[in-house]
């Protein structure tokens, strides 16, 4: 198997984009929950649809969180970037 060199800047940018996308999804979900709550308090007739969409968005956030947590730890090529700590020599 060929070993590829990883461009550290590109890897950092990729991880940063994934984190920003996840944060954006959380913000959109929070706004959706606020609109659902506001619709329930004001007696909006289609609150049930808003509630279903909010629940689905919360599930999507959970799936994204699990996917990101596993994905960043299992990048095989990034393991070569870590340097091993040297143990101090004792005399």
Protein backbone atom coordinates (compact mmCIF):
# COMPACT_ATOMS: atom_id res chain seq x y z
CA UNK A 1 0.00 0.00 0.00
CA UNK A 2 1.35 3.42 -0.92
CA UNK A 3 1.86 5.92 1.85
CA UNK A 4 0.59 9.35 0.97
CA UNK A 5 1.89 12.52 2.49
CA UNK A 6 -0.83 14.51 4.17
CA UNK A 7 -1.03 18.21 3.73
CA UNK A 8 -1.55 19.30 7.34
CA UNK A 9 -3.16 22.59 6.39
CA UNK A 10 -5.71 20.87 4.17
CA UNK A 11 -6.50 18.33 6.89
CA UNK A 12 -7.00 21.08 9.47
CA UNK A 13 -9.21 23.01 7.04
CA UNK A 14 -11.29 19.89 6.36
CA UNK A 15 -11.84 19.23 10.06
CA UNK A 16 -12.66 22.91 10.64
CA UNK A 17 -15.28 22.83 7.86
CA UNK A 18 -16.90 19.73 9.37
CA UNK A 19 -17.05 21.38 12.79
CA UNK A 20 -18.55 24.57 11.34
CA UNK A 21 -21.17 22.55 9.46
CA UNK A 22 -22.10 20.71 12.66
CA UNK A 23 -22.36 24.00 14.56
CA UNK A 24 -24.58 25.44 11.83
CA UNK A 25 -26.86 22.42 12.04
CA UNK A 26 -27.16 22.85 15.81
CA UNK A 27 -28.05 26.54 15.40
CA UNK A 28 -30.72 25.76 12.79
CA UNK A 29 -32.15 23.07 15.07
CA UNK A 30 -32.29 25.48 18.03
CA UNK A 31 -34.11 28.08 15.91
CA UNK A 32 -36.54 25.41 14.74
CA UNK A 33 -37.23 24.41 18.35
CA UNK A 34 -37.83 28.07 19.26
CA UNK A 35 -40.29 28.49 16.39
CA UNK A 36 -42.06 25.30 17.40
CA UNK A 37 -42.38 26.50 20.99
CA UNK A 38 -43.58 29.91 19.83
CA UNK A 39 -46.12 28.27 17.53
CA UNK A 40 -47.39 26.05 20.36
CA UNK A 41 -47.79 29.03 22.68
CA UNK A 42 -49.63 31.16 20.11
CA UNK A 43 -51.92 28.36 18.95
CA UNK A 44 -50.53 27.94 15.44
CA UNK A 45 -52.57 25.30 13.61
CA UNK A 46 -49.63 23.38 12.13
CA UNK A 47 -47.52 23.03 15.26
CA UNK A 48 -47.50 19.25 14.89
CA UNK A 49 -45.59 19.51 11.61
CA UNK A 50 -43.08 21.89 13.20
CA UNK A 51 -42.65 19.48 16.11
CA UNK A 52 -41.98 16.54 13.78
CA UNK A 53 -39.40 18.56 11.83
CA UNK A 54 -37.70 19.64 15.05
CA UNK A 55 -37.49 16.06 16.32
CA UNK A 56 -36.03 14.91 13.01
CA UNK A 57 -33.46 17.71 13.10
CA UNK A 58 -32.45 16.75 16.66
CA UNK A 59 -31.96 13.16 15.47
CA UNK A 60 -29.87 14.44 12.57
CA UNK A 61 -27.71 16.41 15.04
CA UNK A 62 -27.18 13.27 17.12
CA UNK A 63 -26.21 11.22 14.08
CA UNK A 64 -23.84 13.98 12.94
CA UNK A 65 -22.25 14.12 16.40
CA UNK A 66 -21.66 10.37 16.45
CA UNK A 67 -20.36 10.39 12.89
CA UNK A 68 -17.93 13.24 13.57
CA UNK A 69 -16.71 11.67 16.78
CA UNK A 70 -15.84 8.40 15.07
CA UNK A 71 -14.62 9.94 11.82
CA UNK A 72 -11.95 12.16 13.31
CA UNK A 73 -10.49 9.34 15.39
CA UNK A 74 -10.34 6.79 12.60
CA UNK A 75 -8.44 8.75 10.00
CA UNK A 76 -5.70 6.20 9.48
CA UNK A 77 -3.28 8.47 7.75
CA UNK A 78 -3.46 11.10 10.51
CA UNK A 79 -2.00 8.62 12.99
CA UNK A 80 1.37 9.03 11.33
CA UNK A 81 1.31 12.73 12.14
CA UNK A 82 1.51 12.11 15.86
CA UNK A 83 4.95 12.01 17.31
CA UNK A 84 5.77 9.56 20.05
CA UNK A 85 6.87 11.01 23.33
CA UNK A 86 10.33 10.02 24.37
CA UNK A 87 10.78 8.72 27.84
CA UNK A 88 13.38 10.62 29.88
CA UNK A 89 16.54 8.65 30.34
CA UNK A 90 17.39 7.76 33.90
CA UNK A 91 20.98 7.48 34.98
